[in-house]
Amino acid sequence: MKLIEPDEQRAFLAVLQHNGLAEHDFELAETDTTDPKGDENFGLQGYVAVTRRSTRVTREYPIGYETDWVEHFSKDLGAGAFDKLE
């Protein structure tokens, strides 16, 4: 099951466009860490790894119910976190 909601995907692409960056330079990888045996239903949980292919920089953000990973990504992008070659 996909953790990234369609509105989050659109917001992510809007951040890239706003910053003049190409979508194909970024890769998203989801990891589901939801406890399948949990008694309480908090929804899906996990993290998304965002990798900028041209610099090979990867940052991970929590994802799931009421997370604001796109906002954190946007701040990191603006701070130059994805600019340095590793």
PDB file of N, CA and C in Angstrom:
ATOM      1  N   MET A   1       0.838  -1.184   0.000  1.00  0.00           N
ATOM      2  CA  MET A   1       0.000   0.000   0.000  1.00  0.00           C
ATOM      3  C   MET A   1       0.881   1.244   0.000  1.00  0.00           C
ATOM      4  N   LYS A   2       0.483   2.227  -0.766  1.00  0.00           N
ATOM      5  CA  LYS A   2       1.280   3.442  -0.862  1.00  0.00           C
ATOM      6  C   LYS A   2       1.074   4.321   0.364  1.00  0.00           C
ATOM      7  N   LEU A   3       2.172   4.834   0.877  1.00  0.00           N
ATOM      8  CA  LEU A   3       2.113   5.725   2.030  1.00  0.00           C
ATOM      9  C   LEU A   3       1.953   7.184   1.605  1.00  0.00           C
ATOM     10  N   ILE A   4       2.489   7.528   0.454  1.00  0.00           N
ATOM     11  CA  ILE A   4       2.414   8.910  -0.019  1.00  0.00           C
ATOM     12  C   ILE A   4       1.045   9.141  -0.633  1.00  0.00           C
ATOM     13  N   GLU A   5       0.322  10.080  -0.060  1.00  0.00           N
ATOM     14  CA  GLU A   5      -1.008  10.431  -0.550  1.00  0.00           C
ATOM     15  C   GLU A   5      -0.889  11.234  -1.842  1.00  0.00           C
ATOM     16  N   PRO A   6      -1.898  11.168  -2.704  1.00  0.00           N
ATOM     17  CA  PRO A   6      -1.850  11.935  -3.957  1.00  0.00           C
ATOM     18  C   PRO A   6      -1.645  13.435  -3.754  1.00  0.00           C
ATOM     19  N   ASP A   7      -2.246  13.999  -2.711  1.00  0.00           N
ATOM     20  CA  ASP A   7      -2.049  15.431  -2.465  1.00  0.00           C
ATOM     21  C   ASP A   7      -0.616  15.732  -2.015  1.00  0.00           C
ATOM     22  N   GLU A   8       0.009  14.801  -1.302  1.00  0.00           N
ATOM     23  CA  GLU A   8       1.405  14.981  -0.916  1.00  0.00           C
ATOM     24  C   GLU A   8       2.311  14.891  -2.135  1.00  0.00           C
ATOM     25  N   GLN A   9       2.000  13.980  -3.048  1.00  0.00           N
ATOM     26  CA  GLN A   9       2.772  13.854  -4.287  1.00  0.00           C
ATOM     27  C   GLN A   9       2.685  15.154  -5.091  1.00  0.00           C
ATOM     28  N   ARG A  10       1.476  15.714  -5.198  1.00  0.00           N
ATOM     29  CA  ARG A  10       1.299  16.978  -5.921  1.00  0.00           C
ATOM     30  C   ARG A  10       2.057  18.107  -5.240  1.00  0.00           C
ATOM     31  N   ALA A  11       2.023  18.145  -3.912  1.00  0.00           N
ATOM     32  CA  ALA A  11       2.740  19.184  -3.167  1.00  0.00           C
ATOM     33  C   ALA A  11       4.247  19.044  -3.363  1.00  0.00           C
ATOM     34  N   PHE A  12       4.751  17.815  -3.365  1.00  0.00           N
ATOM     35  CA  PHE A  12       6.165  17.558  -3.588  1.00  0.00           C
ATOM     36  C   PHE A  12       6.585  18.076  -4.962  1.00  0.00           C
ATOM     37  N   LEU A  13       5.801  17.751  -5.991  1.00  0.00           N
ATOM     38  CA  LEU A  13       6.104  18.207  -7.350  1.00  0.00           C
ATOM     39  C   LEU A  13       6.026  19.723  -7.456  1.00  0.00           C
ATOM     40  N   ALA A  14       5.092  20.345  -6.725  1.00  0.00           N
ATOM     41  CA  ALA A  14       4.971  21.803  -6.726  1.00  0.00           C
ATOM     42  C   ALA A  14       6.209  22.455  -6.112  1.00  0.00           C
ATOM     43  N   VAL A  15       6.762  21.845  -5.063  1.00  0.00           N
ATOM     44  CA  VAL A  15       7.989  22.354  -4.444  1.00  0.00           C
ATOM     45  C   VAL A  15       9.130  22.314  -5.449  1.00  0.00           C
ATOM     46  N   LEU A  16       9.249  21.205  -6.159  1.00  0.00           N
ATOM     47  CA  LEU A  16      10.307  21.091  -7.167  1.00  0.00           C
ATOM     48  C   LEU A  16      10.134  22.153  -8.248  1.00  0.00           C
ATOM     49  N   GLN A  17       8.915  22.306  -8.732  1.00  0.00           N
ATOM     50  CA  GLN A  17       8.648  23.280  -9.789  1.00  0.00           C
ATOM     51  C   GLN A  17       8.939  24.696  -9.301  1.00  0.00           C
ATOM     52  N   HIS A  18       8.513  25.004  -8.092  1.00  0.00           N
ATOM     53  CA  HIS A  18       8.748  26.333  -7.517  1.00  0.00           C
ATOM     54  C   HIS A  18      10.240  26.654  -7.439  1.00  0.00           C
ATOM     55  N   ASN A  19      11.046  25.634  -7.211  1.00  0.00           N
ATOM     56  CA  ASN A  19      12.495  25.812  -7.090  1.00  0.00           C
ATOM     57  C   ASN A  19      13.231  25.597  -8.406  1.00  0.00           C
ATOM     58  N   GLY A  20      12.483  25.391  -9.483  1.00  0.00           N
ATOM     59  CA  GLY A  20      13.092  25.228 -10.801  1.00  0.00           C
ATOM     60  C   GLY A  20      13.877  23.937 -10.959  1.00  0.00           C
ATOM     61  N   LEU A  21      13.443  22.885 -10.259  1.00  0.00           N
ATOM     62  CA  LEU A  21      14.153  21.605 -10.288  1.00  0.00           C
ATOM     63  C   LEU A  21      13.358  20.565 -11.069  1.00  0.00           C
ATOM     64  N   ALA A  22      14.068  19.677 -11.731  1.00  0.00           N
ATOM     65  CA  ALA A  22      13.446  18.644 -12.555  1.00  0.00           C
ATOM     66  C   ALA A  22      12.975  17.469 -11.703  1.00  0.00           C
ATOM     67  N   GLU A  23      11.783  17.003 -11.977  1.00  0.00           N
ATOM     68  CA  GLU A  23      11.217  15.861 -11.261  1.00  0.00           C
ATOM     69  C   GLU A  23      12.094  14.623 -11.406  1.00  0.00           C
ATOM     70  N   HIS A  24      12.663  14.407 -12.586  1.00  0.00           N
ATOM     71  CA  HIS A  24      13.457  13.192 -12.825  1.00  0.00           C
ATOM     72  C   HIS A  24      14.773  13.178 -12.048  1.00  0.00           C
ATOM     73  N   ASP A  25      15.146  14.304 -11.429  1.00  0.00           N
ATOM     74  CA  ASP A  25      16.372  14.357 -10.625  1.00  0.00           C
ATOM     75  C   ASP A  25      16.128  13.878  -9.197  1.00  0.00           C
ATOM     76  N   PHE A  26      14.875  13.613  -8.847  1.00  0.00           N
ATOM     77  CA  PHE A  26      14.532  13.201  -7.484  1.00  0.00           C
ATOM     78  C   PHE A  26      13.805  11.864  -7.496  1.00  0.00           C
ATOM     79  N   GLU A  27      14.128  11.057  -6.510  1.00  0.00           N
ATOM     80  CA  GLU A  27      13.515   9.738  -6.371  1.00  0.00           C
ATOM     81  C   GLU A  27      12.913   9.623  -4.974  1.00  0.00           C
ATOM     82  N   LEU A  28      11.711   9.069  -4.887  1.00  0.00           N
ATOM     83  CA  LEU A  28      11.051   8.824  -3.610  1.00  0.00           C
ATOM     84  C   LEU A  28      10.996   7.328  -3.360  1.00  0.00           C
ATOM     85  N   ALA A  29      11.358   6.911  -2.148  1.00  0.00           N
ATOM     86  CA  ALA A  29      11.262   5.500  -1.761  1.00  0.00           C
ATOM     87  C   ALA A  29      10.568   5.426  -0.408  1.00  0.00           C
ATOM     88  N   GLU A  30       9.452   4.707  -0.371  1.00  0.00           N
ATOM     89  CA  GLU A  30       8.671   4.576   0.853  1.00  0.00           C
ATOM     90  C   GLU A  30       9.060   3.303   1.603  1.00  0.00           C
ATOM     91  N   THR A  31       9.055   3.393   2.935  1.00  0.00           N
ATOM     92  CA  THR A  31       9.244   2.221   3.772  1.00  0.00           C
ATOM     93  C   THR A  31       8.115   2.200   4.794  1.00  0.00           C
ATOM     94  N   ASP A  32       7.345   1.129   4.802  1.00  0.00           N
ATOM     95  CA  ASP A  32       6.208   0.980   5.704  1.00  0.00           C
ATOM     96  C   ASP A  32       6.695   0.362   7.014  1.00  0.00           C
ATOM     97  N   THR A  33       6.509   1.085   8.121  1.00  0.00           N
ATOM     98  CA  THR A  33       6.898   0.572   9.439  1.00  0.00           C
ATOM     99  C   THR A  33       5.676   0.357  10.333  1.00  0.00           C
ATOM    100  N   THR A  34       4.498   0.285   9.721  1.00  0.00           N
ATOM    101  CA  THR A  34       3.267   0.068  10.476  1.00  0.00           C
ATOM    102  C   THR A  34       3.338  -1.280  11.178  1.00  0.00           C
ATOM    103  N   ASP A  35       2.978  -1.310  12.455  1.00  0.00           N
ATOM    104  CA  ASP A  35       2.972  -2.557  13.227  1.00  0.00           C
ATOM    105  C   ASP A  35       1.720  -3.352  12.853  1.00  0.00           C
ATOM    106  N   PRO A  36       1.883  -4.468  12.151  1.00  0.00           N
ATOM    107  CA  PRO A  36       0.708  -5.229  11.730  1.00  0.00           C
ATOM    108  C   PRO A  36      -0.038  -5.883  12.896  1.00  0.00           C
ATOM    109  N   LYS A  37       0.610  -5.996  14.069  1.00  0.00           N
ATOM    110  CA  LYS A  37      -0.017  -6.624  15.229  1.00  0.00           C
ATOM    111  C   LYS A  37      -0.566  -5.598  16.215  1.00  0.00           C
ATOM    112  N   GLY A  38      -0.439  -4.309  15.869  1.00  0.00           N
ATOM    113  CA  GLY A  38      -0.897  -3.264  16.780  1.00  0.00           C
ATOM    114  C   GLY A  38      -2.396  -3.310  17.005  1.00  0.00           C
ATOM    115  N   ASP A  39      -2.811  -3.082  18.255  1.00  0.00           N
ATOM    116  CA  ASP A  39      -4.232  -3.098  18.602  1.00  0.00           C
ATOM    117  C   ASP A  39      -4.929  -1.802  18.207  1.00  0.00           C
ATOM    118  N   GLU A  40      -4.205  -0.715  18.248  1.00  0.00           N
ATOM    119  CA  GLU A  40      -4.797   0.579  17.935  1.00  0.00           C
ATOM    120  C   GLU A  40      -4.572   0.904  16.471  1.00  0.00           C
ATOM    121  N   ASN A  41      -5.511   1.632  15.896  1.00  0.00           N
ATOM    122  CA  ASN A  41      -5.430   1.967  14.488  1.00  0.00           C
ATOM    123  C   ASN A  41      -4.988   3.423  14.318  1.00  0.00           C
ATOM    124  N   PHE A  42      -3.689   3.620  14.144  1.00  0.00           N
ATOM    125  CA  PHE A  42      -3.151   4.951  13.911  1.00  0.00           C
ATOM    126  C   PHE A  42      -2.938   5.203  12.430  1.00  0.00           C
ATOM    127  N   GLY A  43      -3.329   4.253  11.613  1.00  0.00           N
ATOM    128  CA  GLY A  43      -3.100   4.386  10.186  1.00  0.00           C
ATOM    129  C   GLY A  43      -1.704   3.913   9.828  1.00  0.00           C
ATOM    130  N   LEU A  44      -1.369   4.087   8.582  1.00  0.00           N
ATOM    131  CA  LEU A  44      -0.065   3.660   8.094  1.00  0.00           C
ATOM    132  C   LEU A  44       1.028   4.582   8.604  1.00  0.00           C
ATOM    133  N   GLN A  45       2.177   4.002   8.903  1.00  0.00           N
ATOM    134  CA  GLN A  45       3.326   4.764   9.364  1.00  0.00           C
ATOM    135  C   GLN A  45       4.565   4.271   8.641  1.00  0.00           C
ATOM    136  N   GLY A  46       5.540   5.140   8.522  1.00  0.00           N
ATOM    137  CA  GLY A  46       6.796   4.763   7.894  1.00  0.00           C
ATOM    138  C   GLY A  46       7.637   5.985   7.636  1.00  0.00           C
ATOM    139  N   TYR A  47       8.441   5.895   6.601  1.00  0.00           N
ATOM    140  CA  TYR A  47       9.230   7.057   6.209  1.00  0.00           C
ATOM    141  C   TYR A  47       9.421   7.039   4.708  1.00  0.00           C
ATOM    142  N   VAL A  48       9.715   8.212   4.193  1.00  0.00           N
ATOM    143  CA  VAL A  48      10.013   8.361   2.780  1.00  0.00           C
ATOM    144  C   VAL A  48      11.450   8.857   2.669  1.00  0.00           C
ATOM    145  N   ALA A  49      12.209   8.211   1.811  1.00  0.00           N
ATOM    146  CA  ALA A  49      13.578   8.642   1.528  1.00  0.00           C
ATOM    147  C   ALA A  49      13.543   9.409   0.213  1.00  0.00           C
ATOM    148  N   VAL A  50      14.000  10.652   0.252  1.00  0.00           N
ATOM    149  CA  VAL A  50      14.067  11.488  -0.945  1.00  0.00           C
ATOM    150  C   VAL A  50      15.532  11.567  -1.355  1.00  0.00           C
ATOM    151  N   THR A  51      15.821  11.158  -2.573  1.00  0.00           N
ATOM    152  CA  THR A  51      17.189  11.177  -3.090  1.00  0.00           C
ATOM    153  C   THR A  51      17.254  12.092  -4.301  1.00  0.00           C
ATOM    154  N   ARG A  52      18.237  12.982  -4.279  1.00  0.00           N
ATOM    155  CA  ARG A  52      18.519  13.785  -5.466  1.00  0.00           C
ATOM    156  C   ARG A  52      19.588  13.035  -6.244  1.00  0.00           C
ATOM    157  N   ARG A  53      19.232  12.584  -7.412  1.00  0.00           N
ATOM    158  CA  ARG A  53      20.120  11.728  -8.195  1.00  0.00           C
ATOM    159  C   ARG A  53      21.419  12.418  -8.580  1.00  0.00           C
ATOM    160  N   SER A  54      21.366  13.697  -8.944  1.00  0.00           N
ATOM    161  CA  SER A  54      22.560  14.397  -9.427  1.00  0.00           C
ATOM    162  C   SER A  54      23.609  14.597  -8.345  1.00  0.00           C
ATOM    163  N   THR A  55      23.198  14.627  -7.078  1.00  0.00           N
ATOM    164  CA  THR A  55      24.155  14.826  -5.987  1.00  0.00           C
ATOM    165  C   THR A  55      24.276  13.596  -5.089  1.00  0.00           C
ATOM    166  N   ARG A  56      23.401  12.624  -5.286  1.00  0.00           N
ATOM    167  CA  ARG A  56      23.354  11.401  -4.486  1.00  0.00           C
ATOM    168  C   ARG A  56      23.078  11.678  -3.006  1.00  0.00           C
ATOM    169  N   VAL A  57      22.427  12.794  -2.717  1.00  0.00           N
ATOM    170  CA  VAL A  57      22.061  13.132  -1.346  1.00  0.00           C
ATOM    171  C   VAL A  57      20.680  12.552  -1.055  1.00  0.00           C
ATOM    172  N   THR A  58      20.581  11.873   0.089  1.00  0.00           N
ATOM    173  CA  THR A  58      19.315  11.291   0.525  1.00  0.00           C
ATOM    174  C   THR A  58      18.958  11.817   1.906  1.00  0.00           C
ATOM    175  N   ARG A  59      17.701  12.166   2.069  1.00  0.00           N
ATOM    176  CA  ARG A  59      17.158  12.572   3.371  1.00  0.00           C
ATOM    177  C   ARG A  59      15.906  11.743   3.617  1.00  0.00           C
ATOM    178  N   GLU A  60      15.688  11.356   4.870  1.00  0.00           N
ATOM    179  CA  GLU A  60      14.513  10.577   5.232  1.00  0.00           C
ATOM    180  C   GLU A  60      13.571  11.420   6.083  1.00  0.00           C
ATOM    181  N   TYR A  61      12.264  11.219   5.836  1.00  0.00           N
ATOM    182  CA  TYR A  61      11.236  11.969   6.548  1.00  0.00           C
ATOM    183  C   TYR A  61      10.154  11.006   7.022  1.00  0.00           C
ATOM    184  N   PRO A  62       9.675  11.193   8.273  1.00  0.00           N
ATOM    185  CA  PRO A  62       8.557  10.368   8.745  1.00  0.00           C
ATOM    186  C   PRO A  62       7.330  10.624   7.873  1.00  0.00           C
ATOM    187  N   ILE A  63       6.565   9.573   7.672  1.00  0.00           N
ATOM    188  CA  ILE A  63       5.378   9.684   6.829  1.00  0.00           C
ATOM    189  C   ILE A  63       4.263   8.855   7.449  1.00  0.00           C
ATOM    190  N   GLY A  64       3.063   9.297   7.270  1.00  0.00           N
ATOM    191  CA  GLY A  64       1.909   8.593   7.801  1.00  0.00           C
ATOM    192  C   GLY A  64       0.881   9.599   8.255  1.00  0.00           C
ATOM    193  N   TYR A  65       0.097   9.218   9.235  1.00  0.00           N
ATOM    194  CA  TYR A  65      -0.991  10.055   9.717  1.00  0.00           C
ATOM    195  C   TYR A  65      -0.474  11.394  10.247  1.00  0.00           C
ATOM    196  N   GLU A  66      -0.980  12.463   9.676  1.00  0.00           N
ATOM    197  CA  GLU A  66      -0.690  13.845  10.086  1.00  0.00           C
ATOM    198  C   GLU A  66       0.804  14.182  10.101  1.00  0.00           C
ATOM    199  N   THR A  67       1.535  13.748   9.102  1.00  0.00           N
ATOM    200  CA  THR A  67       2.933  14.158   8.984  1.00  0.00           C
ATOM    201  C   THR A  67       3.024  15.279   7.959  1.00  0.00           C
ATOM    202  N   ASP A  68       4.053  16.076   8.072  1.00  0.00           N
ATOM    203  CA  ASP A  68       4.240  17.192   7.139  1.00  0.00           C
ATOM    204  C   ASP A  68       5.607  17.075   6.460  1.00  0.00           C
ATOM    205  N   TRP A  69       5.870  15.895   5.914  1.00  0.00           N
ATOM    206  CA  TRP A  69       7.180  15.614   5.324  1.00  0.00           C
ATOM    207  C   TRP A  69       7.483  16.538   4.158  1.00  0.00           C
ATOM    208  N   VAL A  70       6.479  16.936   3.394  1.00  0.00           N
ATOM    209  CA  VAL A  70       6.738  17.805   2.238  1.00  0.00           C
ATOM    210  C   VAL A  70       7.254  19.162   2.710  1.00  0.00           C
ATOM    211  N   GLU A  71       6.699  19.659   3.798  1.00  0.00           N
ATOM    212  CA  GLU A  71       7.164  20.934   4.355  1.00  0.00           C
ATOM    213  C   GLU A  71       8.618  20.826   4.827  1.00  0.00           C
ATOM    214  N   HIS A  72       8.949  19.726   5.490  1.00  0.00           N
ATOM    215  CA  HIS A  72      10.332  19.523   5.943  1.00  0.00           C
ATOM    216  C   HIS A  72      11.280  19.389   4.744  1.00  0.00           C
ATOM    217  N   PHE A  73      10.841  18.660   3.715  1.00  0.00           N
ATOM    218  CA  PHE A  73      11.634  18.545   2.497  1.00  0.00           C
ATOM    219  C   PHE A  73      11.874  19.919   1.883  1.00  0.00           C
ATOM    220  N   SER A  74      10.823  20.728   1.809  1.00  0.00           N
ATOM    221  CA  SER A  74      10.929  22.066   1.219  1.00  0.00           C
ATOM    222  C   SER A  74      11.947  22.925   1.972  1.00  0.00           C
ATOM    223  N   LYS A  75      11.909  22.850   3.300  1.00  0.00           N
ATOM    224  CA  LYS A  75      12.865  23.616   4.115  1.00  0.00           C
ATOM    225  C   LYS A  75      14.293  23.127   3.892  1.00  0.00           C
ATOM    226  N   ASP A  76      14.478  21.809   3.856  1.00  0.00           N
ATOM    227  CA  ASP A  76      15.809  21.255   3.605  1.00  0.00           C
ATOM    228  C   ASP A  76      16.314  21.658   2.225  1.00  0.00           C
ATOM    229  N   LEU A  77      15.433  21.604   1.241  1.00  0.00           N
ATOM    230  CA  LEU A  77      15.800  21.982  -0.117  1.00  0.00           C
ATOM    231  C   LEU A  77      16.234  23.441  -0.163  1.00  0.00           C
ATOM    232  N   GLY A  78      15.474  24.304   0.486  1.00  0.00           N
ATOM    233  CA  GLY A  78      15.800  25.730   0.533  1.00  0.00           C
ATOM    234  C   GLY A  78      17.090  26.018   1.268  1.00  0.00           C
ATOM    235  N   ALA A  79      17.433  25.168   2.227  1.00  0.00           N
ATOM    236  CA  ALA A  79      18.663  25.345   3.004  1.00  0.00           C
ATOM    237  C   ALA A  79      19.880  24.756   2.300  1.00  0.00           C
ATOM    238  N   GLY A  80      19.670  24.164   1.128  1.00  0.00           N
ATOM    239  CA  GLY A  80      20.793  23.609   0.367  1.00  0.00           C
ATOM    240  C   GLY A  80      21.196  22.201   0.746  1.00  0.00           C
ATOM    241  N   ALA A  81      20.359  21.508   1.498  1.00  0.00           N
ATOM    242  CA  ALA A  81      20.706  20.167   1.971  1.00  0.00           C
ATOM    243  C   ALA A  81      20.890  19.158   0.838  1.00  0.00           C
ATOM    244  N   PHE A  82      20.292  19.405  -0.314  1.00  0.00           N
ATOM    245  CA  PHE A  82      20.394  18.466  -1.429  1.00  0.00           C
ATOM    246  C   PHE A  82      21.401  18.907  -2.487  1.00  0.00           C
ATOM    247  N   ASP A  83      22.156  19.973  -2.190  1.00  0.00           N
ATOM    248  CA  ASP A  83      23.054  20.561  -3.201  1.00  0.00           C
ATOM    249  C   ASP A  83      24.450  19.964  -3.240  1.00  0.00           C
ATOM    250  N   LYS A  84      24.927  19.379  -2.169  1.00  0.00           N
ATOM    251  CA  LYS A  84      26.333  18.952  -2.097  1.00  0.00           C
ATOM    252  C   LYS A  84      26.504  17.523  -2.578  1.00  0.00           C
ATOM    253  N   LEU A  85      27.489  17.317  -3.403  1.00  0.00           N
ATOM    254  CA  LEU A  85      27.825  15.962  -3.849  1.00  0.00           C
ATOM    255  C   LEU A  85      28.364  15.150  -2.683  1.00  0.00           C
ATOM    256  N   GLU A  86      27.906  13.927  -2.588  1.00  0.00           N
ATOM    257  CA  GLU A  86      28.424  13.043  -1.525  1.00  0.00           C
ATOM    258  C   GLU A  86      29.420  12.068  -2.107  1.00  0.00           C
TER     259      GLU A  86
END
